Amino acid sequence: CGYAENNKKAEKWCTVCEEGLCVDCEKVHKSIKTTRNHRLISTQD
């Protein structure tokens, strides 16, 4: 979202991409074949 100049709070963190993901981007992240198996953790963790 930040890349698209839209500041949105992240709920998850991708340990592979090393960036935060909001709820919508998390769904997209899980749906793409290359990022489907990336490990996601909560931003609190």
ModelCIF file with pLDDT and N, C-alpha, C, O atoms, coordinates in Angstrom:
data_MODEL
#
_entry.id   MODEL 
#
_entity.id                         1 
_entity.type                       polymer 
_entity.pdbx_number_of_molecules   1 
#
_entity_poly.entity_id                      1 
_entity_poly.type                           'polypeptide(L)' 
_entity_poly.nstd_linkage                   no 
_entity_poly.nstd_monomer                   no 
_entity_poly.pdbx_seq_one_letter_code       CGYAENNKKAEKWCTVCEEGLCVDCEKVHKSIKTTRNHRLISTQD 
_entity_poly.pdbx_seq_one_letter_code_can   CGYAENNKKAEKWCTVCEEGLCVDCEKVHKSIKTTRNHRLISTQD 
_entity_poly.pdbx_strand_id                 A 
#
loop_
_entity_poly_seq.entity_id 
_entity_poly_seq.num 
_entity_poly_seq.mon_id 
_entity_poly_seq.hetero 
1 1  CYS n 
1 2  GLY n 
1 3  TYR n 
1 4  ALA n 
1 5  GLU n 
1 6  ASN n 
1 7  ASN n 
1 8  LYS n 
1 9  LYS n 
1 10 ALA n 
1 11 GLU n 
1 12 LYS n 
1 13 TRP n 
1 14 CYS n 
1 15 THR n 
1 16 VAL n 
1 17 CYS n 
1 18 GLU n 
1 19 GLU n 
1 20 GLY n 
1 21 LEU n 
1 22 CYS n 
1 23 VAL n 
1 24 ASP n 
1 25 CYS n 
1 26 GLU n 
1 27 LYS n 
1 28 VAL n 
1 29 HIS n 
1 30 LYS n 
1 31 SER n 
1 32 ILE n 
1 33 LYS n 
1 34 THR n 
1 35 THR n 
1 36 ARG n 
1 37 ASN n 
1 38 HIS n 
1 39 ARG n 
1 40 LEU n 
1 41 ILE n 
1 42 SER n 
1 43 THR n 
1 44 GLN n 
1 45 ASP n 
#
_struct_asym.id          A 
_struct_asym.entity_id   1 
#
loop_
_ma_qa_metric.id 
_ma_qa_metric.mode 
_ma_qa_metric.name 
_ma_qa_metric.software_group_id 
_ma_qa_metric.type 
1 global pLDDT . pLDDT 
2 local  pLDDT . pLDDT 
#
_ma_qa_metric_global.metric_id      1 
_ma_qa_metric_global.metric_value   89.80 
_ma_qa_metric_global.model_id       1 
_ma_qa_metric_global.ordinal_id     1 
#
loop_
_ma_qa_metric_local.label_asym_id 
_ma_qa_metric_local.label_comp_id 
_ma_qa_metric_local.label_seq_id 
_ma_qa_metric_local.metric_id 
_ma_qa_metric_local.metric_value 
_ma_qa_metric_local.model_id 
_ma_qa_metric_local.ordinal_id 
A CYS 1  2 93.00 1 1  
A GLY 2  2 89.00 1 2  
A TYR 3  2 87.00 1 3  
A ALA 4  2 84.00 1 4  
A GLU 5  2 86.00 1 5  
A ASN 6  2 88.00 1 6  
A ASN 7  2 87.00 1 7  
A LYS 8  2 91.00 1 8  
A LYS 9  2 92.00 1 9  
A ALA 10 2 93.00 1 10 
A GLU 11 2 92.00 1 11 
A LYS 12 2 93.00 1 12 
A TRP 13 2 91.00 1 13 
A CYS 14 2 90.00 1 14 
A THR 15 2 83.00 1 15 
A VAL 16 2 83.00 1 16 
A CYS 17 2 86.00 1 17 
A GLU 18 2 86.00 1 18 
A GLU 19 2 91.00 1 19 
A GLY 20 2 93.00 1 20 
A LEU 21 2 95.00 1 21 
A CYS 22 2 94.00 1 22 
A VAL 23 2 93.00 1 23 
A ASP 24 2 93.00 1 24 
A CYS 25 2 93.00 1 25 
A GLU 26 2 93.00 1 26 
A LYS 27 2 93.00 1 27 
A VAL 28 2 93.00 1 28 
A HIS 29 2 94.00 1 29 
A LYS 30 2 92.00 1 30 
A SER 31 2 92.00 1 31 
A ILE 32 2 92.00 1 32 
A LYS 33 2 91.00 1 33 
A THR 34 2 90.00 1 34 
A THR 35 2 90.00 1 35 
A ARG 36 2 88.00 1 36 
A ASN 37 2 86.00 1 37 
A HIS 38 2 88.00 1 38 
A ARG 39 2 85.00 1 39 
A LEU 40 2 90.00 1 40 
A ILE 41 2 90.00 1 41 
A SER 42 2 88.00 1 42 
A THR 43 2 89.00 1 43 
A GLN 44 2 87.00 1 44 
A ASP 45 2 84.00 1 45 
#
loop_
_atom_site.group_PDB 
_atom_site.id 
_atom_site.type_symbol 
_atom_site.label_atom_id 
_atom_site.label_alt_id 
_atom_site.label_comp_id 
_atom_site.label_asym_id 
_atom_site.label_entity_id 
_atom_site.label_seq_id 
_atom_site.pdbx_PDB_ins_code 
_atom_site.Cartn_x 
_atom_site.Cartn_y 
_atom_site.Cartn_z 
_atom_site.occupancy 
_atom_site.B_iso_or_equiv 
_atom_site.pdbx_formal_charge 
_atom_site.auth_seq_id 
_atom_site.auth_comp_id 
_atom_site.auth_asym_id 
_atom_site.auth_atom_id 
_atom_site.pdbx_PDB_model_num 
ATOM 1   N N  . CYS A 1 1  ? 0.845  -1.206  0.000  1.00 93.00 ? 1  CYS A N  1 
ATOM 2   C CA . CYS A 1 1  ? 0.000  0.000   0.000  1.00 93.00 ? 1  CYS A CA 1 
ATOM 3   C C  . CYS A 1 1  ? 0.875  1.249   0.000  1.00 93.00 ? 1  CYS A C  1 
ATOM 4   O O  . CYS A 1 1  ? 0.549  2.245   -0.646 1.00 93.00 ? 1  CYS A O  1 
ATOM 5   N N  . GLY A 1 2  ? 1.988  1.188   0.729  1.00 89.00 ? 2  GLY A N  1 
ATOM 6   C CA . GLY A 1 2  ? 2.928  2.318   0.764  1.00 89.00 ? 2  GLY A CA 1 
ATOM 7   C C  . GLY A 1 2  ? 3.533  2.573   -0.596 1.00 89.00 ? 2  GLY A C  1 
ATOM 8   O O  . GLY A 1 2  ? 3.775  3.721   -0.967 1.00 89.00 ? 2  GLY A O  1 
ATOM 9   N N  . TYR A 1 3  ? 3.780  1.510   -1.342 1.00 87.00 ? 3  TYR A N  1 
ATOM 10  C CA . TYR A 1 3  ? 4.319  1.635   -2.702 1.00 87.00 ? 3  TYR A CA 1 
ATOM 11  C C  . TYR A 1 3  ? 3.326  2.383   -3.594 1.00 87.00 ? 3  TYR A C  1 
ATOM 12  O O  . TYR A 1 3  ? 3.710  3.128   -4.496 1.00 87.00 ? 3  TYR A O  1 
ATOM 13  N N  . ALA A 1 4  ? 2.027  2.161   -3.312 1.00 84.00 ? 4  ALA A N  1 
ATOM 14  C CA . ALA A 1 4  ? 0.968  2.851   -4.066 1.00 84.00 ? 4  ALA A CA 1 
ATOM 15  C C  . ALA A 1 4  ? 0.600  4.185   -3.410 1.00 84.00 ? 4  ALA A C  1 
ATOM 16  O O  . ALA A 1 4  ? -0.441 4.768   -3.714 1.00 84.00 ? 4  ALA A O  1 
ATOM 17  N N  . GLU A 1 5  ? 1.467  4.662   -2.505 1.00 86.00 ? 5  GLU A N  1 
ATOM 18  C CA . GLU A 1 5  ? 1.285  5.926   -1.793 1.00 86.00 ? 5  GLU A CA 1 
ATOM 19  C C  . GLU A 1 5  ? -0.022 5.968   -0.995 1.00 86.00 ? 5  GLU A C  1 
ATOM 20  O O  . GLU A 1 5  ? -0.717 6.983   -0.952 1.00 86.00 ? 5  GLU A O  1 
ATOM 21  N N  . ASN A 1 6  ? -0.330 4.832   -0.367 1.00 88.00 ? 6  ASN A N  1 
ATOM 22  C CA . ASN A 1 6  ? -1.520 4.756   0.475  1.00 88.00 ? 6  ASN A CA 1 
ATOM 23  C C  . ASN A 1 6  ? -1.073 4.173   1.824  1.00 88.00 ? 6  ASN A C  1 
ATOM 24  O O  . ASN A 1 6  ? -0.829 2.971   1.929  1.00 88.00 ? 6  ASN A O  1 
ATOM 25  N N  . ASN A 1 7  ? -0.966 5.013   2.838  1.00 87.00 ? 7  ASN A N  1 
ATOM 26  C CA . ASN A 1 7  ? -0.491 4.551   4.154  1.00 87.00 ? 7  ASN A CA 1 
ATOM 27  C C  . ASN A 1 7  ? -1.587 3.806   4.898  1.00 87.00 ? 7  ASN A C  1 
ATOM 28  O O  . ASN A 1 7  ? -2.580 4.393   5.328  1.00 87.00 ? 7  ASN A O  1 
ATOM 29  N N  . LYS A 1 8  ? -1.386 2.492   5.040  1.00 91.00 ? 8  LYS A N  1 
ATOM 30  C CA . LYS A 1 8  ? -2.343 1.646   5.733  1.00 91.00 ? 8  LYS A CA 1 
ATOM 31  C C  . LYS A 1 8  ? -1.610 0.843   6.797  1.00 91.00 ? 8  LYS A C  1 
ATOM 32  O O  . LYS A 1 8  ? -0.479 0.408   6.582  1.00 91.00 ? 8  LYS A O  1 
ATOM 33  N N  . LYS A 1 9  ? -2.242 0.649   7.924  1.00 92.00 ? 9  LYS A N  1 
ATOM 34  C CA . LYS A 1 9  ? -1.605 -0.090  9.028  1.00 92.00 ? 9  LYS A CA 1 
ATOM 35  C C  . LYS A 1 9  ? -1.521 -1.583  8.683  1.00 92.00 ? 9  LYS A C  1 
ATOM 36  O O  . LYS A 1 9  ? -2.496 -2.192  8.243  1.00 92.00 ? 9  LYS A O  1 
ATOM 37  N N  . ALA A 1 10 ? -0.327 -2.152  8.897  1.00 93.00 ? 10 ALA A N  1 
ATOM 38  C CA . ALA A 1 10 ? -0.116 -3.583  8.627  1.00 93.00 ? 10 ALA A CA 1 
ATOM 39  C C  . ALA A 1 10 ? -0.598 -4.420  9.804  1.00 93.00 ? 10 ALA A C  1 
ATOM 40  O O  . ALA A 1 10 ? -0.445 -4.021  10.959 1.00 93.00 ? 10 ALA A O  1 
ATOM 41  N N  . GLU A 1 11 ? -1.168 -5.560  9.519  1.00 92.00 ? 11 GLU A N  1 
ATOM 42  C CA . GLU A 1 11 ? -1.608 -6.503  10.550 1.00 92.00 ? 11 GLU A CA 1 
ATOM 43  C C  . GLU A 1 11 ? -0.668 -7.710  10.624 1.00 92.00 ? 11 GLU A C  1 
ATOM 44  O O  . GLU A 1 11 ? -0.536 -8.349  11.668 1.00 92.00 ? 11 GLU A O  1 
ATOM 45  N N  . LYS A 1 12 ? -0.017 -8.008  9.488  1.00 93.00 ? 12 LYS A N  1 
ATOM 46  C CA . LYS A 1 12 ? 0.893  -9.158  9.397  1.00 93.00 ? 12 LYS A CA 1 
ATOM 47  C C  . LYS A 1 12 ? 2.247  -8.701  8.871  1.00 93.00 ? 12 LYS A C  1 
ATOM 48  O O  . LYS A 1 12 ? 2.374  -7.647  8.248  1.00 93.00 ? 12 LYS A O  1 
ATOM 49  N N  . TRP A 1 13 ? 3.266  -9.536  9.143  1.00 91.00 ? 13 TRP A N  1 
ATOM 50  C CA . TRP A 1 13 ? 4.621  -9.271  8.653  1.00 91.00 ? 13 TRP A CA 1 
ATOM 51  C C  . TRP A 1 13 ? 5.088  -10.503 7.898  1.00 91.00 ? 13 TRP A C  1 
ATOM 52  O O  . TRP A 1 13 ? 5.040  -11.615 8.423  1.00 91.00 ? 13 TRP A O  1 
ATOM 53  N N  . CYS A 1 14 ? 5.545  -10.303 6.647  1.00 90.00 ? 14 CYS A N  1 
ATOM 54  C CA . CYS A 1 14 ? 6.076  -11.412 5.856  1.00 90.00 ? 14 CYS A CA 1 
ATOM 55  C C  . CYS A 1 14 ? 7.566  -11.511 6.140  1.00 90.00 ? 14 CYS A C  1 
ATOM 56  O O  . CYS A 1 14 ? 8.323  -10.578 5.872  1.00 90.00 ? 14 CYS A O  1 
ATOM 57  N N  . THR A 1 15 ? 7.982  -12.655 6.687  1.00 83.00 ? 15 THR A N  1 
ATOM 58  C CA . THR A 1 15 ? 9.394  -12.840 7.047  1.00 83.00 ? 15 THR A CA 1 
ATOM 59  C C  . THR A 1 15 ? 10.278 -13.043 5.817  1.00 83.00 ? 15 THR A C  1 
ATOM 60  O O  . THR A 1 15 ? 11.495 -12.879 5.891  1.00 83.00 ? 15 THR A O  1 
ATOM 61  N N  . VAL A 1 16 ? 9.666  -13.399 4.686  1.00 83.00 ? 16 VAL A N  1 
ATOM 62  C CA . VAL A 1 16 ? 10.432 -13.607 3.456  1.00 83.00 ? 16 VAL A CA 1 
ATOM 63  C C  . VAL A 1 16 ? 10.609 -12.273 2.727  1.00 83.00 ? 16 VAL A C  1 
ATOM 64  O O  . VAL A 1 16 ? 11.726 -11.903 2.367  1.00 83.00 ? 16 VAL A O  1 
ATOM 65  N N  . CYS A 1 17 ? 9.512  -11.557 2.514  1.00 86.00 ? 17 CYS A N  1 
ATOM 66  C CA . CYS A 1 17 ? 9.566  -10.263 1.821  1.00 86.00 ? 17 CYS A CA 1 
ATOM 67  C C  . CYS A 1 17 ? 10.079 -9.151  2.746  1.00 86.00 ? 17 CYS A C  1 
ATOM 68  O O  . CYS A 1 17 ? 10.515 -8.094  2.289  1.00 86.00 ? 17 CYS A O  1 
ATOM 69  N N  . GLU A 1 18 ? 10.015 -9.414  4.038  1.00 86.00 ? 18 GLU A N  1 
ATOM 70  C CA . GLU A 1 18 ? 10.435 -8.446  5.061  1.00 86.00 ? 18 GLU A CA 1 
ATOM 71  C C  . GLU A 1 18 ? 9.695  -7.120  4.937  1.00 86.00 ? 18 GLU A C  1 
ATOM 72  O O  . GLU A 1 18 ? 10.295 -6.047  4.877  1.00 86.00 ? 18 GLU A O  1 
ATOM 73  N N  . GLU A 1 19 ? 8.351  -7.234  4.900  1.00 91.00 ? 19 GLU A N  1 
ATOM 74  C CA . GLU A 1 19 ? 7.525  -6.034  4.901  1.00 91.00 ? 19 GLU A CA 1 
ATOM 75  C C  . GLU A 1 19 ? 6.162  -6.352  5.500  1.00 91.00 ? 19 GLU A C  1 
ATOM 76  O O  . GLU A 1 19 ? 5.743  -7.508  5.571  1.00 91.00 ? 19 GLU A O  1 
ATOM 77  N N  . GLY A 1 20 ? 5.477  -5.283  5.933  1.00 93.00 ? 20 GLY A N  1 
ATOM 78  C CA . GLY A 1 20 ? 4.166  -5.429  6.544  1.00 93.00 ? 20 GLY A CA 1 
ATOM 79  C C  . GLY A 1 20 ? 3.080  -5.577  5.496  1.00 93.00 ? 20 GLY A C  1 
ATOM 80  O O  . GLY A 1 20 ? 3.218  -5.132  4.357  1.00 93.00 ? 20 GLY A O  1 
ATOM 81  N N  . LEU A 1 21 ? 1.979  -6.226  5.922  1.00 95.00 ? 21 LEU A N  1 
ATOM 82  C CA . LEU A 1 21 ? 0.842  -6.430  5.018  1.00 95.00 ? 21 LEU A CA 1 
ATOM 83  C C  . LEU A 1 21 ? -0.453 -6.094  5.751  1.00 95.00 ? 21 LEU A C  1 
ATOM 84  O O  . LEU A 1 21 ? -0.678 -6.535  6.878  1.00 95.00 ? 21 LEU A O  1 
ATOM 85  N N  . CYS A 1 22 ? -1.305 -5.301  5.088  1.00 94.00 ? 22 CYS A N  1 
ATOM 86  C CA . CYS A 1 22 ? -2.633 -5.044  5.653  1.00 94.00 ? 22 CYS A CA 1 
ATOM 87  C C  . CYS A 1 22 ? -3.507 -6.271  5.361  1.00 94.00 ? 22 CYS A C  1 
ATOM 88  O O  . CYS A 1 22 ? -3.065 -7.212  4.701  1.00 94.00 ? 22 CYS A O  1 
ATOM 89  N N  . VAL A 1 23 ? -4.732 -6.253  5.851  1.00 93.00 ? 23 VAL A N  1 
ATOM 90  C CA . VAL A 1 23 ? -5.626 -7.416  5.678  1.00 93.00 ? 23 VAL A CA 1 
ATOM 91  C C  . VAL A 1 23 ? -5.850 -7.723  4.199  1.00 93.00 ? 23 VAL A C  1 
ATOM 92  O O  . VAL A 1 23 ? -5.809 -8.884  3.791  1.00 93.00 ? 23 VAL A O  1 
ATOM 93  N N  . ASP A 1 24 ? -6.086 -6.683  3.394  1.00 93.00 ? 24 ASP A N  1 
ATOM 94  C CA . ASP A 1 24 ? -6.347 -6.890  1.959  1.00 93.00 ? 24 ASP A CA 1 
ATOM 95  C C  . ASP A 1 24 ? -5.116 -7.438  1.244  1.00 93.00 ? 24 ASP A C  1 
ATOM 96  O O  . ASP A 1 24 ? -5.218 -8.374  0.451  1.00 93.00 ? 24 ASP A O  1 
ATOM 97  N N  . CYS A 1 25 ? -3.941 -6.845  1.530  1.00 93.00 ? 25 CYS A N  1 
ATOM 98  C CA . CYS A 1 25 ? -2.709 -7.294  0.863  1.00 93.00 ? 25 CYS A CA 1 
ATOM 99  C C  . CYS A 1 25 ? -2.304 -8.694  1.319  1.00 93.00 ? 25 CYS A C  1 
ATOM 100 O O  . CYS A 1 25 ? -1.674 -9.441  0.571  1.00 93.00 ? 25 CYS A O  1 
ATOM 101 N N  . GLU A 1 26 ? -2.671 -9.042  2.557  1.00 93.00 ? 26 GLU A N  1 
ATOM 102 C CA . GLU A 1 26 ? -2.379 -10.399 3.056  1.00 93.00 ? 26 GLU A CA 1 
ATOM 103 C C  . GLU A 1 26 ? -3.124 -11.439 2.217  1.00 93.00 ? 26 GLU A C  1 
ATOM 104 O O  . GLU A 1 26 ? -2.571 -12.481 1.864  1.00 93.00 ? 26 GLU A O  1 
ATOM 105 N N  . LYS A 1 27 ? -4.395 -11.136 1.903  1.00 93.00 ? 27 LYS A N  1 
ATOM 106 C CA . LYS A 1 27 ? -5.190 -12.054 1.072  1.00 93.00 ? 27 LYS A CA 1 
ATOM 107 C C  . LYS A 1 27 ? -4.557 -12.216 -0.314 1.00 93.00 ? 27 LYS A C  1 
ATOM 108 O O  . LYS A 1 27 ? -4.468 -13.323 -0.844 1.00 93.00 ? 27 LYS A O  1 
ATOM 109 N N  . VAL A 1 28 ? -4.123 -11.093 -0.887 1.00 93.00 ? 28 VAL A N  1 
ATOM 110 C CA . VAL A 1 28 ? -3.477 -11.133 -2.214 1.00 93.00 ? 28 VAL A CA 1 
ATOM 111 C C  . VAL A 1 28 ? -2.166 -11.908 -2.122 1.00 93.00 ? 28 VAL A C  1 
ATOM 112 O O  . VAL A 1 28 ? -1.852 -12.709 -3.003 1.00 93.00 ? 28 VAL A O  1 
ATOM 113 N N  . HIS A 1 29 ? -1.406 -11.673 -1.064 1.00 94.00 ? 29 HIS A N  1 
ATOM 114 C CA . HIS A 1 29 ? -0.116 -12.334 -0.841 1.00 94.00 ? 29 HIS A CA 1 
ATOM 115 C C  . HIS A 1 29 ? -0.292 -13.856 -0.805 1.00 94.00 ? 29 HIS A C  1 
ATOM 116 O O  . HIS A 1 29 ? 0.511  -14.602 -1.366 1.00 94.00 ? 29 HIS A O  1 
ATOM 117 N N  . LYS A 1 30 ? -1.366 -14.299 -0.127 1.00 92.00 ? 30 LYS A N  1 
ATOM 118 C CA . LYS A 1 30 ? -1.627 -15.739 -0.005 1.00 92.00 ? 30 LYS A CA 1 
ATOM 119 C C  . LYS A 1 30 ? -2.174 -16.341 -1.299 1.00 92.00 ? 30 LYS A C  1 
ATOM 120 O O  . LYS A 1 30 ? -2.096 -17.550 -1.517 1.00 92.00 ? 30 LYS A O  1 
ATOM 121 N N  . SER A 1 31 ? -2.720 -15.491 -2.140 1.00 92.00 ? 31 SER A N  1 
ATOM 122 C CA . SER A 1 31 ? -3.324 -16.019 -3.381 1.00 92.00 ? 31 SER A CA 1 
ATOM 123 C C  . SER A 1 31 ? -2.327 -16.137 -4.534 1.00 92.00 ? 31 SER A C  1 
ATOM 124 O O  . SER A 1 31 ? -2.582 -16.867 -5.492 1.00 92.00 ? 31 SER A O  1 
ATOM 125 N N  . ILE A 1 32 ? -1.202 -15.436 -4.458 1.00 92.00 ? 32 ILE A N  1 
ATOM 126 C CA . ILE A 1 32 ? -0.197 -15.494 -5.532 1.00 92.00 ? 32 ILE A CA 1 
ATOM 127 C C  . ILE A 1 32 ? 0.695  -16.713 -5.317 1.00 92.00 ? 32 ILE A C  1 
ATOM 128 O O  . ILE A 1 32 ? 1.150  -16.960 -4.200 1.00 92.00 ? 32 ILE A O  1 
ATOM 129 N N  . LYS A 1 33 ? 0.941  -17.464 -6.363 1.00 91.00 ? 33 LYS A N  1 
ATOM 130 C CA . LYS A 1 33 ? 1.677  -18.733 -6.276 1.00 91.00 ? 33 LYS A CA 1 
ATOM 131 C C  . LYS A 1 33 ? 3.079  -18.556 -5.672 1.00 91.00 ? 33 LYS A C  1 
ATOM 132 O O  . LYS A 1 33 ? 3.504  -19.362 -4.843 1.00 91.00 ? 33 LYS A O  1 
ATOM 133 N N  . THR A 1 34 ? 3.788  -17.512 -6.083 1.00 90.00 ? 34 THR A N  1 
ATOM 134 C CA . THR A 1 34 ? 5.177  -17.328 -5.614 1.00 90.00 ? 34 THR A CA 1 
ATOM 135 C C  . THR A 1 34 ? 5.272  -16.894 -4.150 1.00 90.00 ? 34 THR A C  1 
ATOM 136 O O  . THR A 1 34 ? 6.306  -17.088 -3.511 1.00 90.00 ? 34 THR A O  1 
ATOM 137 N N  . THR A 1 35 ? 4.207  -16.313 -3.624 1.00 90.00 ? 35 THR A N  1 
ATOM 138 C CA . THR A 1 35 ? 4.251  -15.842 -2.224 1.00 90.00 ? 35 THR A CA 1 
ATOM 139 C C  . THR A 1 35 ? 3.321  -16.624 -1.301 1.00 90.00 ? 35 THR A C  1 
ATOM 140 O O  . THR A 1 35 ? 3.221  -16.336 -0.108 1.00 90.00 ? 35 THR A O  1 
ATOM 141 N N  . ARG A 1 36 ? 2.644  -17.616 -1.873 1.00 88.00 ? 36 ARG A N  1 
ATOM 142 C CA . ARG A 1 36 ? 1.641  -18.383 -1.122 1.00 88.00 ? 36 ARG A CA 1 
ATOM 143 C C  . ARG A 1 36 ? 2.219  -19.054 0.129  1.00 88.00 ? 36 ARG A C  1 
ATOM 144 O O  . ARG A 1 36 ? 1.560  -19.102 1.167  1.00 88.00 ? 36 ARG A O  1 
ATOM 145 N N  . ASN A 1 37 ? 3.442  -19.568 0.030  1.00 86.00 ? 37 ASN A N  1 
ATOM 146 C CA . ASN A 1 37 ? 4.041  -20.310 1.150  1.00 86.00 ? 37 ASN A CA 1 
ATOM 147 C C  . ASN A 1 37 ? 4.966  -19.455 2.029  1.00 86.00 ? 37 ASN A C  1 
ATOM 148 O O  . ASN A 1 37 ? 5.694  -19.976 2.874  1.00 86.00 ? 37 ASN A O  1 
ATOM 149 N N  . HIS A 1 38 ? 4.923  -18.159 1.817  1.00 88.00 ? 38 HIS A N  1 
ATOM 150 C CA . HIS A 1 38 ? 5.736  -17.281 2.678  1.00 88.00 ? 38 HIS A CA 1 
ATOM 151 C C  . HIS A 1 38 ? 5.209  -17.332 4.111  1.00 88.00 ? 38 HIS A C  1 
ATOM 152 O O  . HIS A 1 38 ? 4.008  -17.453 4.351  1.00 88.00 ? 38 HIS A O  1 
ATOM 153 N N  . ARG A 1 39 ? 6.143  -17.236 5.049  1.00 85.00 ? 39 ARG A N  1 
ATOM 154 C CA . ARG A 1 39 ? 5.757  -17.285 6.473  1.00 85.00 ? 39 ARG A CA 1 
ATOM 155 C C  . ARG A 1 39 ? 5.304  -15.904 6.930  1.00 85.00 ? 39 ARG A C  1 
ATOM 156 O O  . ARG A 1 39 ? 6.055  -14.932 6.839  1.00 85.00 ? 39 ARG A O  1 
ATOM 157 N N  . LEU A 1 40 ? 4.063  -15.825 7.423  1.00 90.00 ? 40 LEU A N  1 
ATOM 158 C CA . LEU A 1 40 ? 3.504  -14.572 7.934  1.00 90.00 ? 40 LEU A CA 1 
ATOM 159 C C  . LEU A 1 40 ? 3.361  -14.662 9.454  1.00 90.00 ? 40 LEU A C  1 
ATOM 160 O O  . LEU A 1 40 ? 2.914  -15.674 9.994  1.00 90.00 ? 40 LEU A O  1 
ATOM 161 N N  . ILE A 1 41 ? 3.748  -13.590 10.119 1.00 90.00 ? 41 ILE A N  1 
ATOM 162 C CA . ILE A 1 41 ? 3.570  -13.513 11.579 1.00 90.00 ? 41 ILE A CA 1 
ATOM 163 C C  . ILE A 1 41 ? 2.837  -12.217 11.892 1.00 90.00 ? 41 ILE A C  1 
ATOM 164 O O  . ILE A 1 41 ? 2.777  -11.311 11.061 1.00 90.00 ? 41 ILE A O  1 
ATOM 165 N N  . SER A 1 42 ? 2.283  -12.136 13.090 1.00 88.00 ? 42 SER A N  1 
ATOM 166 C CA . SER A 1 42 ? 1.570  -10.908 13.459 1.00 88.00 ? 42 SER A CA 1 
ATOM 167 C C  . SER A 1 42 ? 2.576  -9.778  13.670 1.00 88.00 ? 42 SER A C  1 
ATOM 168 O O  . SER A 1 42 ? 3.740  -10.020 13.987 1.00 88.00 ? 42 SER A O  1 
ATOM 169 N N  . THR A 1 43 ? 2.115  -8.552  13.491 1.00 89.00 ? 43 THR A N  1 
ATOM 170 C CA . THR A 1 43 ? 3.008  -7.402  13.681 1.00 89.00 ? 43 THR A CA 1 
ATOM 171 C C  . THR A 1 43 ? 3.443  -7.301  15.143 1.00 89.00 ? 43 THR A C  1 
ATOM 172 O O  . THR A 1 43 ? 4.523  -6.786  15.433 1.00 89.00 ? 43 THR A O  1 
ATOM 173 N N  . GLN A 1 44 ? 2.599  -7.795  16.077 1.00 87.00 ? 44 GLN A N  1 
ATOM 174 C CA . GLN A 1 44 ? 2.981  -7.798  17.500 1.00 87.00 ? 44 GLN A CA 1 
ATOM 175 C C  . GLN A 1 44 ? 4.177  -8.716  17.720 1.00 87.00 ? 44 GLN A C  1 
ATOM 176 O O  . GLN A 1 44 ? 5.115  -8.371  18.438 1.00 87.00 ? 44 GLN A O  1 
ATOM 177 N N  . ASP A 1 45 ? 4.134  -9.904  17.086 1.00 84.00 ? 45 ASP A N  1 
ATOM 178 C CA . ASP A 1 45 ? 5.261  -10.838 17.201 1.00 84.00 ? 45 ASP A CA 1 
ATOM 179 C C  . ASP A 1 45 ? 6.509  -10.247 16.557 1.00 84.00 ? 45 ASP A C  1 
ATOM 180 O O  . ASP A 1 45 ? 7.562  -10.884 16.552 1.00 84.00 ? 45 ASP A O  1 
#
